[in-house]
Protein backbone atom coordinates (compact mmCIF):
# COMPACT_ATOMS: atom_id res chain seq x y z
CA MET A 1 70.98 -10.48 -64.36
CA PRO A 2 67.88 -12.68 -63.85
CA ASN A 3 68.09 -16.29 -64.98
CA LEU A 4 66.08 -16.83 -68.18
CA ARG A 5 64.92 -20.31 -67.18
CA HIS A 6 63.67 -19.01 -63.83
CA ILE A 7 61.72 -16.19 -65.49
CA ARG A 8 60.13 -18.61 -67.99
CA LYS A 9 59.00 -20.84 -65.11
CA ARG A 10 57.50 -17.83 -63.33
CA ILE A 11 55.56 -16.84 -66.44
CA VAL A 12 54.21 -20.38 -66.92
CA SER A 13 53.25 -20.54 -63.24
CA VAL A 14 51.42 -17.20 -63.31
CA ARG A 15 49.55 -18.18 -66.49
CA GLY A 16 48.41 -21.40 -64.81
CA THR A 17 47.17 -19.44 -61.80
CA GLN A 18 45.41 -17.00 -64.11
CA LYS A 19 43.48 -19.86 -65.74
CA ILE A 20 42.32 -21.01 -62.31
CA THR A 21 41.21 -17.54 -61.19
CA ARG A 22 39.40 -16.94 -64.49
CA ALA A 23 37.54 -20.26 -64.12
CA MET A 24 36.66 -19.48 -60.49
CA LYS A 25 35.31 -16.10 -61.55
CA MET A 26 33.01 -17.74 -64.12
CA VAL A 27 31.77 -20.29 -61.58
CA ALA A 28 31.11 -17.56 -59.00
CA ALA A 29 29.22 -15.50 -61.59
CA ALA A 30 26.95 -18.45 -62.42
CA LYS A 31 26.29 -19.15 -58.73
CA LEU A 32 25.65 -15.46 -58.11
CA ARG A 33 22.90 -15.39 -60.71
CA ARG A 34 21.13 -18.30 -59.02
CA ALA A 35 21.56 -16.70 -55.60
CA GLN A 36 20.07 -13.44 -56.86
CA GLU A 37 17.11 -15.32 -58.27
CA ASN A 38 16.51 -16.98 -54.89
CA ILE A 39 16.54 -13.61 -53.12
CA THR A 40 14.23 -12.08 -55.72
CA ARG A 41 11.71 -14.87 -55.21
CA LEU A 42 11.83 -14.62 -51.42
CA ARG A 43 11.71 -10.84 -50.96
CA PRO A 44 8.01 -10.27 -51.87
CA TYR A 45 6.98 -13.03 -49.44
CA ALA A 46 9.27 -11.66 -46.72
CA ILE A 47 7.99 -8.11 -47.20
CA LYS A 48 4.34 -9.15 -47.06
CA THR A 49 4.97 -11.30 -43.97
CA ALA A 50 6.64 -8.33 -42.25
CA GLU A 51 3.68 -6.10 -43.15
CA VAL A 52 1.15 -8.55 -41.74
CA MET A 53 3.26 -9.13 -38.64
CA GLY A 54 3.68 -5.39 -38.05
CA THR A 55 -0.02 -4.73 -38.47
CA VAL A 56 -1.09 -7.49 -36.10
CA ALA A 57 1.64 -6.85 -33.52
CA SER A 58 0.81 -3.14 -33.40
CA ARG A 59 -2.71 -4.01 -32.22
CA VAL A 60 -1.58 -6.06 -29.23
CA GLU A 61 0.37 -5.56 -26.02
CA GLU A 62 3.92 -6.86 -25.54
CA MET A 63 2.69 -9.31 -22.92
CA ASP A 64 0.35 -10.97 -25.42
CA HIS A 65 3.22 -13.05 -26.82
CA PRO A 66 6.66 -14.07 -25.43
CA LEU A 67 8.48 -13.14 -28.66
CA LEU A 68 7.34 -9.52 -28.26
CA ARG A 69 8.32 -9.09 -24.62
CA ARG A 70 11.25 -6.80 -23.98
CA ARG A 71 13.66 -7.44 -21.15
CA ASP A 72 16.81 -5.86 -19.81
CA PRO A 73 19.41 -7.13 -22.33
CA LYS A 74 21.82 -8.80 -19.94
CA SER A 75 22.11 -12.06 -21.88
CA ILE A 76 22.46 -11.62 -25.64
CA PHE A 77 22.67 -14.12 -28.47
CA ILE A 78 24.36 -13.29 -31.79
CA LEU A 79 24.33 -15.48 -34.89
CA VAL A 80 27.28 -14.79 -37.22
CA LEU A 81 27.02 -15.89 -40.86
CA THR A 82 30.34 -16.57 -42.58
CA SER A 83 31.35 -18.84 -45.45
CA ASP A 84 32.86 -22.32 -45.55
CA LYS A 85 35.37 -21.38 -48.26
CA GLY A 86 37.90 -18.60 -48.76
CA LEU A 87 39.20 -16.72 -51.81
CA CYS A 88 36.38 -14.17 -51.54
CA GLY A 89 38.29 -11.01 -50.68
CA SER A 90 37.40 -9.28 -47.42
CA PHE A 91 34.00 -10.99 -47.15
CA ASN A 92 34.81 -13.04 -44.04
CA THR A 93 37.24 -10.54 -42.55
CA ASN A 94 34.63 -7.76 -42.47
CA ILE A 95 31.90 -9.90 -40.92
CA ASN A 96 34.21 -11.45 -38.32
CA ARG A 97 35.63 -8.11 -37.21
CA ARG A 98 32.16 -6.56 -36.96
CA ALA A 99 30.90 -9.48 -34.88
CA GLN A 100 33.99 -9.40 -32.67
CA LYS A 101 33.45 -5.68 -32.03
CA PHE A 102 29.82 -6.35 -31.08
CA VAL A 103 30.79 -9.16 -28.69
CA ASP A 104 33.63 -7.21 -27.06
CA GLY A 105 31.45 -4.13 -26.69
CA HIS A 106 28.67 -6.01 -24.90
CA ARG A 107 31.10 -7.82 -22.63
CA ALA A 108 32.76 -4.53 -21.73
CA GLU A 109 29.37 -3.40 -20.42
CA GLY A 110 29.26 -6.42 -18.14
CA GLY A 111 26.72 -8.42 -20.15
CA GLU A 112 26.70 -12.08 -21.03
CA ILE A 113 26.84 -13.00 -24.70
CA HIS A 114 26.32 -16.29 -26.50
CA LEU A 115 28.10 -16.66 -29.83
CA ALA A 116 26.77 -18.90 -32.61
CA VAL A 117 28.65 -19.21 -35.90
CA VAL A 118 27.65 -20.49 -39.32
CA GLY A 119 30.58 -21.34 -41.60
CA LYS A 120 34.08 -22.72 -41.15
CA LYS A 121 35.79 -19.34 -41.60
CA GLY A 122 33.97 -17.83 -38.65
CA LEU A 123 34.63 -20.87 -36.49
CA SER A 124 38.37 -20.81 -37.14
CA TYR A 125 38.51 -17.03 -36.60
CA PHE A 126 36.88 -17.02 -33.17
CA ARG A 127 38.49 -20.25 -31.98
CA HIS A 128 41.94 -18.92 -32.85
CA ARG A 129 41.22 -15.87 -30.67
CA GLY A 130 39.94 -17.86 -27.73
CA TYR A 131 36.23 -17.02 -27.94
CA GLU A 132 33.73 -19.49 -26.53
CA ILE A 133 31.27 -20.63 -29.20
CA SER A 134 27.88 -21.73 -27.89
CA MET A 135 26.62 -23.17 -31.18
CA GLU A 136 28.30 -23.99 -34.45
CA TYR A 137 26.78 -24.89 -37.79
CA LYS A 138 28.80 -26.56 -40.53
CA GLY A 139 27.69 -27.45 -44.04
CA VAL A 140 24.65 -25.16 -43.96
CA PHE A 141 25.51 -23.65 -47.34
CA GLU A 142 26.21 -26.98 -49.03
CA SER A 143 22.47 -27.52 -49.51
CA LEU A 144 20.82 -24.42 -48.11
CA SER A 145 17.10 -24.82 -47.45
CA PHE A 146 14.33 -23.15 -45.51
CA GLU A 147 14.19 -26.18 -43.20
CA LYS A 148 17.75 -25.52 -41.99
CA ALA A 149 16.95 -21.86 -41.38
CA ALA A 150 13.78 -22.83 -39.51
CA GLU A 151 15.75 -25.26 -37.34
CA ILE A 152 18.17 -22.51 -36.32
CA ALA A 153 15.25 -20.14 -35.68
CA ARG A 154 13.41 -22.63 -33.47
CA THR A 155 16.52 -23.11 -31.32
CA ILE A 156 16.87 -19.35 -30.79
CA MET A 157 13.15 -18.80 -30.14
CA GLY A 158 13.02 -21.70 -27.69
CA ALA A 159 15.86 -20.23 -25.62
CA TYR A 160 14.24 -16.80 -25.70
CA GLU A 161 10.85 -18.05 -24.58
CA LYS A 162 12.48 -19.91 -21.66
CA GLY A 163 14.15 -16.71 -20.52
CA GLU A 164 17.66 -17.94 -21.27
CA LEU A 165 18.18 -14.98 -23.65
CA ASP A 166 17.12 -11.35 -23.38
CA ALA A 167 17.84 -10.39 -27.00
CA SER A 168 18.98 -12.03 -30.21
CA TYR A 169 20.85 -10.62 -33.20
CA VAL A 170 22.08 -11.85 -36.56
CA CYS A 171 25.26 -10.50 -38.18
CA TYR A 172 25.63 -11.02 -41.94
CA ASN A 173 26.69 -9.46 -45.23
CA GLU A 174 23.75 -7.90 -47.03
CA PHE A 175 24.02 -8.14 -50.81
CA LYS A 176 23.98 -4.79 -52.60
CA SER A 177 25.80 -5.66 -55.81
CA ALA A 178 28.59 -7.90 -57.04
CA MET A 179 31.02 -5.11 -56.12
CA ARG A 180 29.49 -4.15 -52.77
CA GLN A 181 28.32 -5.98 -49.66
CA GLU A 182 27.29 -4.28 -46.42
CA VAL A 183 27.75 -5.81 -42.97
CA ILE A 184 24.46 -5.76 -41.06
CA VAL A 185 23.73 -6.46 -37.39
CA GLU A 186 19.98 -6.98 -37.18
CA GLN A 187 17.82 -7.62 -34.13
CA LEU A 188 15.74 -10.77 -34.29
CA LEU A 189 14.30 -10.96 -30.78
CA PRO A 190 12.38 -9.39 -29.23
CA ILE A 191 10.51 -8.81 -32.45
CA VAL A 192 10.16 -5.15 -33.32
CA PRO A 193 6.96 -4.58 -35.35
CA ARG A 194 7.57 -3.02 -38.73
CA GLU A 195 5.76 0.08 -39.92
CA ILE A 196 2.14 -0.45 -40.88
CA PRO A 197 1.39 -0.05 -44.59
CA PRO A 198 -0.42 3.27 -45.24
CA GLU A 199 -3.48 1.53 -46.64
CA TRP A 200 -3.90 -0.42 -43.39
CA ILE A 201 -3.67 2.52 -40.99
CA GLY A 202 -6.95 3.05 -39.17
CA ALA A 203 -8.45 -0.15 -40.54
CA GLU A 204 -10.55 -2.26 -38.22
CA LEU A 205 -9.07 -5.75 -37.97
CA ILE A 206 -10.93 -8.98 -37.34
CA PHE A 207 -8.67 -11.72 -35.95
CA GLU A 208 -9.50 -15.18 -37.28
CA PRO A 209 -9.17 -17.73 -35.69
CA GLY A 210 -7.97 -15.51 -32.84
CA ARG A 211 -5.36 -12.93 -31.92
CA ARG A 212 -3.12 -15.29 -29.92
CA GLU A 213 -3.45 -18.11 -32.45
CA LEU A 214 -2.51 -15.68 -35.22
CA LEU A 215 0.53 -14.43 -33.32
CA ASP A 216 1.62 -18.00 -32.55
CA ARG A 217 1.76 -18.62 -36.29
CA ILE A 218 2.98 -15.32 -37.75
CA LEU A 219 5.74 -14.37 -35.29
CA PRO A 220 7.76 -17.63 -35.48
CA MET A 221 7.29 -17.67 -39.24
CA TYR A 222 8.63 -14.12 -39.42
CA VAL A 223 11.80 -15.08 -37.49
CA GLU A 224 12.32 -18.15 -39.67
CA ILE A 225 11.98 -16.11 -42.85
CA GLU A 226 14.34 -13.43 -41.56
CA ILE A 227 17.07 -15.99 -40.85
CA TYR A 228 16.50 -17.66 -44.22
CA ARG A 229 16.70 -14.28 -45.96
CA ALA A 230 19.94 -13.46 -44.11
CA LEU A 231 21.41 -16.79 -45.22
CA LEU A 232 20.44 -16.11 -48.84
CA GLU A 233 21.89 -12.59 -48.62
CA SER A 234 25.11 -14.07 -47.24
CA VAL A 235 25.32 -16.61 -50.08
CA ALA A 236 24.84 -13.94 -52.76
CA SER A 237 27.35 -11.66 -51.04
CA GLU A 238 29.92 -14.46 -50.88
CA HIS A 239 29.62 -15.26 -54.59
CA GLY A 240 29.72 -11.56 -55.49
CA ALA A 241 32.82 -11.01 -53.36
CA ARG A 242 34.52 -14.10 -54.82
CA MET A 243 33.71 -13.06 -58.39
CA THR A 244 35.19 -9.61 -57.76
CA ALA A 245 38.26 -11.03 -56.01
CA MET A 246 38.93 -13.51 -58.82
CA GLU A 247 38.50 -10.80 -61.44
CA ASN A 248 41.06 -8.65 -59.63
CA ALA A 249 43.40 -11.64 -59.31
CA THR A 250 43.06 -12.37 -63.03
CA ASN A 251 43.86 -8.76 -63.92
CA ASN A 252 46.82 -8.74 -61.55
CA ALA A 253 48.11 -11.93 -63.16
CA SER A 254 47.93 -10.25 -66.58
CA ASP A 255 49.96 -7.31 -65.28
CA MET A 256 52.49 -9.66 -63.72
CA ILE A 257 52.87 -11.62 -66.96
CA LYS A 258 53.50 -8.38 -68.87
CA ASN A 259 56.15 -7.29 -66.39
CA LEU A 260 57.83 -10.70 -66.37
CA THR A 261 57.78 -10.81 -70.16
CA LEU A 262 59.46 -7.40 -70.26
CA VAL A 263 62.13 -8.56 -67.81
CA TYR A 264 62.60 -11.77 -69.82
CA ASN A 265 63.06 -9.87 -73.09
CA LYS A 266 65.58 -7.51 -71.49
CA ALA A 267 67.54 -10.40 -70.01
CA ARG A 268 67.45 -12.28 -73.31
CA GLN A 269 68.63 -9.21 -75.23
CA ALA A 270 71.47 -8.72 -72.75
CA ALA A 271 72.53 -12.35 -73.14
CA ILE A 272 72.51 -12.04 -76.94
CA THR A 273 74.55 -8.85 -76.71
CA ARG A 274 77.14 -10.56 -74.51
CA GLU A 275 77.44 -13.46 -76.93
CA LEU A 276 77.92 -11.09 -79.86
CA MET A 277 80.58 -9.19 -77.95
CA ASP A 278 82.37 -12.45 -77.16
CA ILE A 279 82.30 -13.44 -80.86
CA VAL A 280 83.53 -10.03 -81.99
CA GLY A 281 86.24 -10.03 -79.31
CA GLY A 282 87.40 -13.51 -80.36
CA ALA A 283 87.47 -12.57 -84.03
CA GLU A 284 89.47 -9.44 -83.22
CA ALA A 285 91.94 -11.45 -81.17
CA LEU A 286 92.48 -13.91 -84.08
CA ARG A 287 92.98 -11.02 -86.51
CA ASN A 288 95.64 -9.42 -84.30
CA ALA A 289 97.38 -12.75 -83.83
């Protein structure tokens, strides 16, 4: 029969954990709302930048700018976006496994791959498995800003323009909803022009101040915005995954408390029954004596 004191301690312990998970869920929900607002503000700007970039890039040759030039992808760079903290369900596990599959697949083809990781969870994952990490970024999400994203983008673009890389990708969790995040592997370099808006098809364009000057400004800005958007998507996905995980943990704690309470009541009833039987047995023994 279970010990009553032990069961009471388990119930108190689970209730304390439940308070923590409930509080973490509320914090994650508040942070998720702010993260969604940031994405909502950025998306119109990112979409319009992609439209302008696609329209301009479609009017030029690949050789007109180094960020458009395609090469045989022998040396590839992949930027993996993970979180600094855990307790967010399968958020980090999914992104790490997808990135690992990408890296292993390219190496199996005989190519060279450079791995860059944002977030402590990704760093510990790949280090534990013996992967060489070319670049690591810690504390990016503590005070996420466009300047940090631009700094990462400039490093990648500089290596690509020097010919040190043949292609660049970013692997991240795209935010769909608080319940759903989708792992995305997106090509950054060489830049692939987006589809031209229907209203711009067939239009005669005048480049001011000039085609090359315009490309020098728009293309790097496009890469910077794409990395910043991926970081924002990752932040929202992390908070959504953590909110869902903490909600599930809170519900599981409630079920555990119910089960433990049922076991406690059964054990307590059995103890009372034994005491009554002892009293009745003693009284019967005195009567017979």
